[in-house]
Amino acid sequence: MKRADDLLFPLVKELGIEDNIRLTEIKKSWYGLFKDPLSSHMSPSKLSEGEILLNVDSPVWLQELNYFKERIIKTLSPYGIKEVRFRLGRVSTKAKSGVHSLKSKVKTLTTEELSYIEETTSQISDGKLRETIQKAMKKALIGKRG
């Protein structure tokens, strides 16, 4: 009796879907392989002949991740990864369970925070400017909570 993987591996290789299967496995294990903040600022995009392409959400993280390149390769080496490339792009924000989005958590401000924002911006006569500053303040207060 032969193991199923012994029978399937030649078929997978012949069909040319070996890289796609590995990429799927990497995506499923992503949050176990890399902890925050790394896992939330990069995500696997493409895999070809041992080289993985990772999307990165900002230029700052693009530069930062270059310092972690060897560590990333070492972590992904069990999947046959020998090289890693980074590019700016959309980063998957699936939670560790793979179901919920990190952005799905609704963050709201307290009435005190809203009052503070309103009081601080009440002296600004330009409506558009006041609205822009209020949005920035709300975003900053929400961002402090993490």
N, C-alpha and C. Protein backbone atom coordinates (compact mmCIF):
# COMPACT_ATOMS: atom_id res chain seq x y z
N MET A 1 0.84 -1.18 0.00
CA MET A 1 0.00 0.00 0.00
C MET A 1 0.89 1.25 0.00
N LYS A 2 0.59 2.22 -0.89
CA LYS A 2 1.38 3.43 -0.99
C LYS A 2 0.65 4.58 -0.32
N ARG A 3 1.45 5.53 0.18
CA ARG A 3 0.87 6.74 0.78
C ARG A 3 0.31 7.62 -0.33
N ALA A 4 -0.73 8.36 0.00
CA ALA A 4 -1.40 9.22 -0.99
C ALA A 4 -0.46 10.29 -1.53
N ASP A 5 0.38 10.87 -0.65
CA ASP A 5 1.27 11.93 -1.13
C ASP A 5 2.32 11.39 -2.10
N ASP A 6 2.70 10.12 -1.94
CA ASP A 6 3.64 9.51 -2.89
C ASP A 6 3.01 9.38 -4.28
N LEU A 7 1.72 9.17 -4.31
CA LEU A 7 1.02 9.05 -5.58
C LEU A 7 0.66 10.41 -6.17
N LEU A 8 0.31 11.36 -5.32
CA LEU A 8 -0.15 12.66 -5.80
C LEU A 8 0.99 13.59 -6.22
N PHE A 9 2.14 13.49 -5.55
CA PHE A 9 3.23 14.42 -5.84
C PHE A 9 3.64 14.42 -7.31
N PRO A 10 3.85 13.25 -7.94
CA PRO A 10 4.21 13.26 -9.37
C PRO A 10 3.11 13.90 -10.23
N LEU A 11 1.87 13.68 -9.88
CA LEU A 11 0.76 14.27 -10.63
C LEU A 11 0.74 15.79 -10.49
N VAL A 12 0.92 16.27 -9.27
CA VAL A 12 0.96 17.71 -8.99
C VAL A 12 2.11 18.36 -9.76
N LYS A 13 3.25 17.71 -9.74
CA LYS A 13 4.42 18.23 -10.45
C LYS A 13 4.18 18.27 -11.96
N GLU A 14 3.57 17.20 -12.48
CA GLU A 14 3.30 17.12 -13.91
C GLU A 14 2.29 18.18 -14.36
N LEU A 15 1.31 18.47 -13.51
CA LEU A 15 0.31 19.49 -13.83
C LEU A 15 0.84 20.91 -13.69
N GLY A 16 2.00 21.06 -13.04
CA GLY A 16 2.60 22.38 -12.88
C GLY A 16 1.92 23.23 -11.83
N ILE A 17 1.30 22.59 -10.85
CA ILE A 17 0.59 23.35 -9.81
C ILE A 17 1.28 23.24 -8.44
N GLU A 18 2.50 22.75 -8.46
CA GLU A 18 3.25 22.58 -7.22
C GLU A 18 3.44 23.93 -6.49
N ASP A 19 3.81 24.98 -7.24
CA ASP A 19 4.01 26.30 -6.63
C ASP A 19 2.70 26.85 -6.05
N ASN A 20 1.60 26.62 -6.76
CA ASN A 20 0.31 27.11 -6.28
C ASN A 20 -0.10 26.42 -4.97
N ILE A 21 0.18 25.15 -4.88
CA ILE A 21 -0.15 24.40 -3.66
C ILE A 21 0.72 24.89 -2.51
N ARG A 22 2.00 25.10 -2.76
CA ARG A 22 2.89 25.62 -1.71
C ARG A 22 2.46 27.01 -1.26
N LEU A 23 2.09 27.86 -2.22
CA LEU A 23 1.64 29.21 -1.89
C LEU A 23 0.38 29.17 -1.02
N THR A 24 -0.53 28.28 -1.35
CA THR A 24 -1.74 28.12 -0.55
C THR A 24 -1.41 27.69 0.87
N GLU A 25 -0.47 26.78 1.01
CA GLU A 25 -0.05 26.32 2.33
C GLU A 25 0.60 27.46 3.13
N ILE A 26 1.41 28.26 2.46
CA ILE A 26 2.05 29.40 3.12
C ILE A 26 0.99 30.39 3.59
N LYS A 27 0.01 30.67 2.73
CA LYS A 27 -1.06 31.61 3.10
C LYS A 27 -1.85 31.11 4.30
N LYS A 28 -2.13 29.80 4.33
CA LYS A 28 -2.89 29.23 5.45
C LYS A 28 -2.10 29.31 6.76
N SER A 29 -0.79 29.23 6.68
CA SER A 29 0.07 29.22 7.87
C SER A 29 0.65 30.59 8.21
N TRP A 30 0.32 31.61 7.43
CA TRP A 30 0.99 32.91 7.49
C TRP A 30 1.10 33.47 8.90
N TYR A 31 -0.01 33.51 9.64
CA TYR A 31 0.00 34.14 10.96
C TYR A 31 0.67 33.27 12.02
N GLY A 32 0.89 32.01 11.69
CA GLY A 32 1.68 31.16 12.57
C GLY A 32 3.17 31.27 12.28
N LEU A 33 3.49 31.58 11.03
CA LEU A 33 4.89 31.72 10.62
C LEU A 33 5.48 33.05 11.07
N PHE A 34 4.69 34.11 10.94
CA PHE A 34 5.15 35.46 11.26
C PHE A 34 4.17 36.12 12.22
N LYS A 35 4.70 36.67 13.27
CA LYS A 35 3.88 37.37 14.27
C LYS A 35 3.74 38.84 13.88
N ASP A 36 2.80 39.51 14.53
CA ASP A 36 2.67 40.96 14.34
C ASP A 36 3.93 41.63 14.85
N PRO A 37 4.37 42.69 14.26
CA PRO A 37 3.74 43.44 13.19
C PRO A 37 4.10 42.94 11.79
N LEU A 38 5.04 42.02 11.67
CA LEU A 38 5.45 41.57 10.33
C LEU A 38 4.28 41.00 9.53
N SER A 39 3.50 40.12 10.15
CA SER A 39 2.43 39.45 9.42
C SER A 39 1.34 40.40 8.95
N SER A 40 1.17 41.52 9.61
CA SER A 40 0.10 42.44 9.21
C SER A 40 0.55 43.47 8.18
N HIS A 41 1.85 43.54 7.88
CA HIS A 41 2.35 44.51 6.90
C HIS A 41 2.85 43.86 5.61
N MET A 42 2.80 42.54 5.54
CA MET A 42 3.21 41.85 4.32
C MET A 42 2.33 40.62 4.15
N SER A 43 2.15 40.22 2.91
CA SER A 43 1.40 38.98 2.64
C SER A 43 1.90 38.35 1.34
N PRO A 44 1.86 37.02 1.28
CA PRO A 44 2.35 36.32 0.10
C PRO A 44 1.45 36.58 -1.11
N SER A 45 2.08 36.81 -2.24
CA SER A 45 1.33 37.13 -3.45
C SER A 45 1.54 36.09 -4.55
N LYS A 46 2.79 35.70 -4.77
CA LYS A 46 3.10 34.80 -5.88
C LYS A 46 4.31 33.95 -5.51
N LEU A 47 4.34 32.74 -6.02
CA LEU A 47 5.47 31.84 -5.79
C LEU A 47 5.85 31.21 -7.13
N SER A 48 7.13 31.28 -7.43
CA SER A 48 7.60 30.70 -8.68
C SER A 48 9.03 30.20 -8.51
N GLU A 49 9.22 28.91 -8.69
CA GLU A 49 10.53 28.28 -8.67
C GLU A 49 11.38 28.69 -7.47
N GLY A 50 10.79 28.63 -6.29
CA GLY A 50 11.53 28.91 -5.07
C GLY A 50 11.64 30.37 -4.70
N GLU A 51 11.06 31.25 -5.49
CA GLU A 51 11.08 32.69 -5.19
C GLU A 51 9.67 33.14 -4.87
N ILE A 52 9.52 33.75 -3.69
CA ILE A 52 8.21 34.24 -3.28
C ILE A 52 8.17 35.76 -3.40
N LEU A 53 7.04 36.25 -3.87
CA LEU A 53 6.81 37.69 -3.98
C LEU A 53 5.85 38.07 -2.86
N LEU A 54 6.29 39.00 -2.01
CA LEU A 54 5.47 39.44 -0.88
C LEU A 54 5.00 40.87 -1.11
N ASN A 55 3.69 41.07 -0.99
CA ASN A 55 3.14 42.42 -1.03
C ASN A 55 3.37 43.09 0.31
N VAL A 56 3.73 44.36 0.26
CA VAL A 56 4.00 45.14 1.47
C VAL A 56 3.13 46.39 1.41
N ASP A 57 2.56 46.78 2.55
CA ASP A 57 1.56 47.84 2.54
C ASP A 57 2.07 49.27 2.53
N SER A 58 3.36 49.51 2.74
CA SER A 58 3.85 50.89 2.71
C SER A 58 5.34 50.92 2.36
N PRO A 59 5.80 52.05 1.84
CA PRO A 59 7.23 52.18 1.53
C PRO A 59 8.12 52.03 2.77
N VAL A 60 7.64 52.49 3.90
CA VAL A 60 8.42 52.38 5.14
C VAL A 60 8.62 50.91 5.49
N TRP A 61 7.54 50.12 5.41
CA TRP A 61 7.67 48.69 5.72
C TRP A 61 8.46 47.96 4.64
N LEU A 62 8.38 48.43 3.42
CA LEU A 62 9.16 47.83 2.34
C LEU A 62 10.65 47.91 2.68
N GLN A 63 11.07 49.06 3.13
CA GLN A 63 12.47 49.25 3.52
C GLN A 63 12.81 48.43 4.76
N GLU A 64 11.92 48.44 5.74
CA GLU A 64 12.15 47.72 6.99
C GLU A 64 12.28 46.22 6.76
N LEU A 65 11.44 45.68 5.89
CA LEU A 65 11.44 44.23 5.65
C LEU A 65 12.70 43.74 4.97
N ASN A 66 13.39 44.62 4.28
CA ASN A 66 14.67 44.22 3.68
C ASN A 66 15.67 43.80 4.75
N TYR A 67 15.55 44.37 5.96
CA TYR A 67 16.43 43.97 7.07
C TYR A 67 16.09 42.57 7.58
N PHE A 68 14.85 42.12 7.34
CA PHE A 68 14.39 40.82 7.81
C PHE A 68 14.42 39.76 6.70
N LYS A 69 14.98 40.10 5.57
CA LYS A 69 14.94 39.23 4.39
C LYS A 69 15.48 37.83 4.68
N GLU A 70 16.64 37.74 5.28
CA GLU A 70 17.24 36.43 5.56
C GLU A 70 16.39 35.63 6.54
N ARG A 71 15.84 36.30 7.52
CA ARG A 71 14.98 35.63 8.50
C ARG A 71 13.71 35.11 7.82
N ILE A 72 13.16 35.88 6.91
CA ILE A 72 11.96 35.48 6.18
C ILE A 72 12.26 34.26 5.32
N ILE A 73 13.38 34.28 4.62
CA ILE A 73 13.78 33.13 3.79
C ILE A 73 13.96 31.89 4.66
N LYS A 74 14.61 32.05 5.79
CA LYS A 74 14.83 30.91 6.69
C LYS A 74 13.51 30.34 7.20
N THR A 75 12.57 31.22 7.54
CA THR A 75 11.27 30.79 8.03
C THR A 75 10.48 30.05 6.95
N LEU A 76 10.62 30.49 5.71
CA LEU A 76 9.86 29.90 4.60
C LEU A 76 10.61 28.77 3.89
N SER A 77 11.83 28.48 4.29
CA SER A 77 12.62 27.45 3.62
C SER A 77 11.97 26.06 3.63
N PRO A 78 11.20 25.68 4.66
CA PRO A 78 10.53 24.38 4.59
C PRO A 78 9.53 24.27 3.43
N TYR A 79 9.13 25.40 2.88
CA TYR A 79 8.21 25.42 1.74
C TYR A 79 8.97 25.52 0.41
N GLY A 80 10.29 25.38 0.46
CA GLY A 80 11.10 25.41 -0.75
C GLY A 80 11.49 26.81 -1.19
N ILE A 81 11.35 27.79 -0.30
CA ILE A 81 11.66 29.18 -0.64
C ILE A 81 13.16 29.40 -0.51
N LYS A 82 13.75 29.93 -1.58
CA LYS A 82 15.18 30.23 -1.60
C LYS A 82 15.45 31.73 -1.76
N GLU A 83 14.43 32.45 -2.22
CA GLU A 83 14.58 33.89 -2.46
C GLU A 83 13.25 34.58 -2.18
N VAL A 84 13.35 35.85 -1.75
CA VAL A 84 12.15 36.64 -1.49
C VAL A 84 12.29 38.00 -2.15
N ARG A 85 11.19 38.46 -2.74
CA ARG A 85 11.14 39.81 -3.31
C ARG A 85 9.96 40.53 -2.69
N PHE A 86 10.10 41.85 -2.55
CA PHE A 86 9.04 42.66 -1.97
C PHE A 86 8.54 43.65 -3.02
N ARG A 87 7.24 43.97 -2.93
CA ARG A 87 6.68 45.03 -3.77
C ARG A 87 5.53 45.68 -3.01
N LEU A 88 5.30 46.94 -3.31
CA LEU A 88 4.15 47.63 -2.72
C LEU A 88 2.89 47.02 -3.31
N GLY A 89 1.92 46.75 -2.47
CA GLY A 89 0.68 46.18 -2.95
C GLY A 89 -0.29 45.93 -1.83
N ARG A 90 -1.43 45.40 -2.18
CA ARG A 90 -2.47 45.11 -1.20
C ARG A 90 -2.03 43.96 -0.32
N VAL A 91 -2.20 44.15 0.98
CA VAL A 91 -1.83 43.14 1.96
C VAL A 91 -3.10 42.51 2.51
N SER A 92 -3.15 41.20 2.49
CA SER A 92 -4.29 40.49 3.03
C SER A 92 -4.39 40.77 4.52
N THR A 93 -5.60 41.09 4.98
CA THR A 93 -5.78 41.41 6.40
C THR A 93 -6.64 40.37 7.09
N LYS A 94 -6.59 39.14 6.64
CA LYS A 94 -7.36 38.08 7.29
C LYS A 94 -6.77 37.80 8.67
N ALA A 95 -7.63 37.61 9.61
CA ALA A 95 -7.21 37.34 10.98
C ALA A 95 -6.64 35.94 11.08
N LYS A 96 -6.07 35.61 12.23
CA LYS A 96 -5.44 34.31 12.43
C LYS A 96 -6.39 33.16 12.16
N SER A 97 -7.67 33.36 12.42
CA SER A 97 -8.64 32.30 12.15
C SER A 97 -8.90 32.16 10.67
N GLY A 98 -8.52 33.19 9.89
CA GLY A 98 -8.73 33.14 8.46
C GLY A 98 -10.13 33.57 8.05
N VAL A 99 -10.95 34.00 9.02
CA VAL A 99 -12.33 34.34 8.71
C VAL A 99 -12.59 35.83 8.85
N HIS A 100 -12.17 36.40 9.98
CA HIS A 100 -12.49 37.79 10.27
C HIS A 100 -11.39 38.73 9.80
N SER A 101 -11.79 39.87 9.31
CA SER A 101 -10.83 40.89 8.89
C SER A 101 -10.43 41.73 10.08
N LEU A 102 -9.16 42.16 10.11
CA LEU A 102 -8.71 43.04 11.18
C LEU A 102 -9.46 44.35 11.14
N LYS A 103 -9.86 44.78 9.95
CA LYS A 103 -10.58 46.03 9.81
C LYS A 103 -12.03 45.90 10.22
N SER A 104 -12.52 44.69 10.45
CA SER A 104 -13.92 44.52 10.79
C SER A 104 -14.22 44.96 12.21
N LYS A 105 -13.21 45.09 13.03
CA LYS A 105 -13.41 45.55 14.39
C LYS A 105 -13.71 47.05 14.36
N VAL A 106 -14.92 47.40 14.76
CA VAL A 106 -15.33 48.79 14.73
C VAL A 106 -14.79 49.48 15.97
N LYS A 107 -14.09 50.56 15.75
CA LYS A 107 -13.53 51.33 16.85
C LYS A 107 -14.28 52.65 16.93
N THR A 108 -14.81 52.97 18.09
CA THR A 108 -15.56 54.21 18.26
C THR A 108 -14.91 55.05 19.34
N LEU A 109 -15.19 56.33 19.28
CA LEU A 109 -14.66 57.27 20.26
C LEU A 109 -15.67 57.45 21.39
N THR A 110 -15.16 57.77 22.55
CA THR A 110 -16.04 58.05 23.69
C THR A 110 -16.66 59.43 23.50
N THR A 111 -17.71 59.70 24.25
CA THR A 111 -18.35 61.02 24.17
C THR A 111 -17.39 62.12 24.61
N GLU A 112 -16.51 61.80 25.55
CA GLU A 112 -15.52 62.79 26.01
C GLU A 112 -14.55 63.13 24.88
N GLU A 113 -14.11 62.12 24.16
CA GLU A 113 -13.19 62.35 23.04
C GLU A 113 -13.87 63.15 21.93
N LEU A 114 -15.11 62.82 21.64
CA LEU A 114 -15.85 63.56 20.62
C LEU A 114 -16.05 65.02 21.04
N SER A 115 -16.35 65.23 22.32
CA SER A 115 -16.52 66.60 22.83
C SER A 115 -15.21 67.37 22.74
N TYR A 116 -14.12 66.71 23.07
CA TYR A 116 -12.80 67.34 22.99
C TYR A 116 -12.51 67.79 21.56
N ILE A 117 -12.79 66.92 20.60
CA ILE A 117 -12.55 67.25 19.19
C ILE A 117 -13.42 68.44 18.77
N GLU A 118 -14.68 68.39 19.14
CA GLU A 118 -15.60 69.47 18.78
C GLU A 118 -15.17 70.79 19.40
N GLU A 119 -14.79 70.75 20.65
CA GLU A 119 -14.35 71.97 21.37
C GLU A 119 -13.07 72.52 20.76
N THR A 120 -12.14 71.65 20.42
CA THR A 120 -10.86 72.06 19.86
C THR A 120 -11.01 72.71 18.49
N THR A 121 -11.94 72.22 17.71
CA THR A 121 -12.09 72.72 16.33
C THR A 121 -13.20 73.76 16.18
N SER A 122 -13.88 74.10 17.26
CA SER A 122 -15.03 75.01 17.16
C SER A 122 -14.66 76.41 16.69
N GLN A 123 -13.44 76.83 16.89
CA GLN A 123 -13.01 78.18 16.51
C GLN A 123 -12.59 78.28 15.04
N ILE A 124 -12.55 77.16 14.33
CA ILE A 124 -12.13 77.18 12.92
C ILE A 124 -13.35 77.52 12.07
N SER A 125 -13.27 78.66 11.36
CA SER A 125 -14.42 79.14 10.60
C SER A 125 -14.61 78.42 9.26
N ASP A 126 -13.53 77.97 8.64
CA ASP A 126 -13.62 77.26 7.36
C ASP A 126 -14.16 75.85 7.61
N GLY A 127 -15.35 75.57 7.08
CA GLY A 127 -16.02 74.29 7.32
C GLY A 127 -15.25 73.08 6.85
N LYS A 128 -14.68 73.15 5.65
CA LYS A 128 -13.93 72.01 5.11
C LYS A 128 -12.67 71.75 5.94
N LEU A 129 -11.99 72.83 6.32
CA LEU A 129 -10.78 72.69 7.13
C LEU A 129 -11.13 72.09 8.48
N ARG A 130 -12.21 72.58 9.10
CA ARG A 130 -12.64 72.06 10.41
C ARG A 130 -12.95 70.56 10.29
N GLU A 131 -13.67 70.18 9.24
CA GLU A 131 -14.03 68.77 9.05
C GLU A 131 -12.79 67.91 8.85
N THR A 132 -11.83 68.39 8.09
CA THR A 132 -10.59 67.65 7.84
C THR A 132 -9.80 67.45 9.13
N ILE A 133 -9.71 68.50 9.92
CA ILE A 133 -8.99 68.40 11.20
C ILE A 133 -9.71 67.47 12.15
N GLN A 134 -11.03 67.51 12.17
CA GLN A 134 -11.80 66.61 13.03
C GLN A 134 -11.55 65.14 12.64
N LYS A 135 -11.55 64.88 11.35
CA LYS A 135 -11.29 63.51 10.87
C LYS A 135 -9.89 63.05 11.28
N ALA A 136 -8.93 63.95 11.14
CA ALA A 136 -7.54 63.60 11.50
C ALA A 136 -7.44 63.33 13.00
N MET A 137 -8.09 64.13 13.79
CA MET A 137 -8.06 63.94 15.26
C MET A 137 -8.72 62.62 15.64
N LYS A 138 -9.85 62.31 15.01
CA LYS A 138 -10.55 61.04 15.30
C LYS A 138 -9.65 59.85 14.95
N LYS A 139 -9.04 59.94 13.79
CA LYS A 139 -8.15 58.86 13.35
C LYS A 139 -6.97 58.70 14.31
N ALA A 140 -6.41 59.81 14.76
CA ALA A 140 -5.27 59.77 15.69
C ALA A 140 -5.67 59.17 17.03
N LEU A 141 -6.82 59.54 17.53
CA LEU A 141 -7.28 58.99 18.83
C LEU A 141 -7.59 57.50 18.73
N ILE A 142 -8.20 57.08 17.66
CA ILE A 142 -8.48 55.67 17.47
C ILE A 142 -7.19 54.89 17.30
N GLY A 143 -6.23 55.47 16.56
CA GLY A 143 -4.94 54.82 16.33
C GLY A 143 -4.14 54.60 17.58
N LYS A 144 -4.31 55.48 18.58
CA LYS A 144 -3.56 55.33 19.84
C LYS A 144 -3.97 54.08 20.60
N ARG A 145 -5.19 53.63 20.37
CA ARG A 145 -5.68 52.44 21.08
C ARG A 145 -5.09 51.16 20.52
N GLY A 146 -4.58 51.22 19.28
CA GLY A 146 -3.97 50.03 18.67
C GLY A 146 -4.98 49.15 18.16
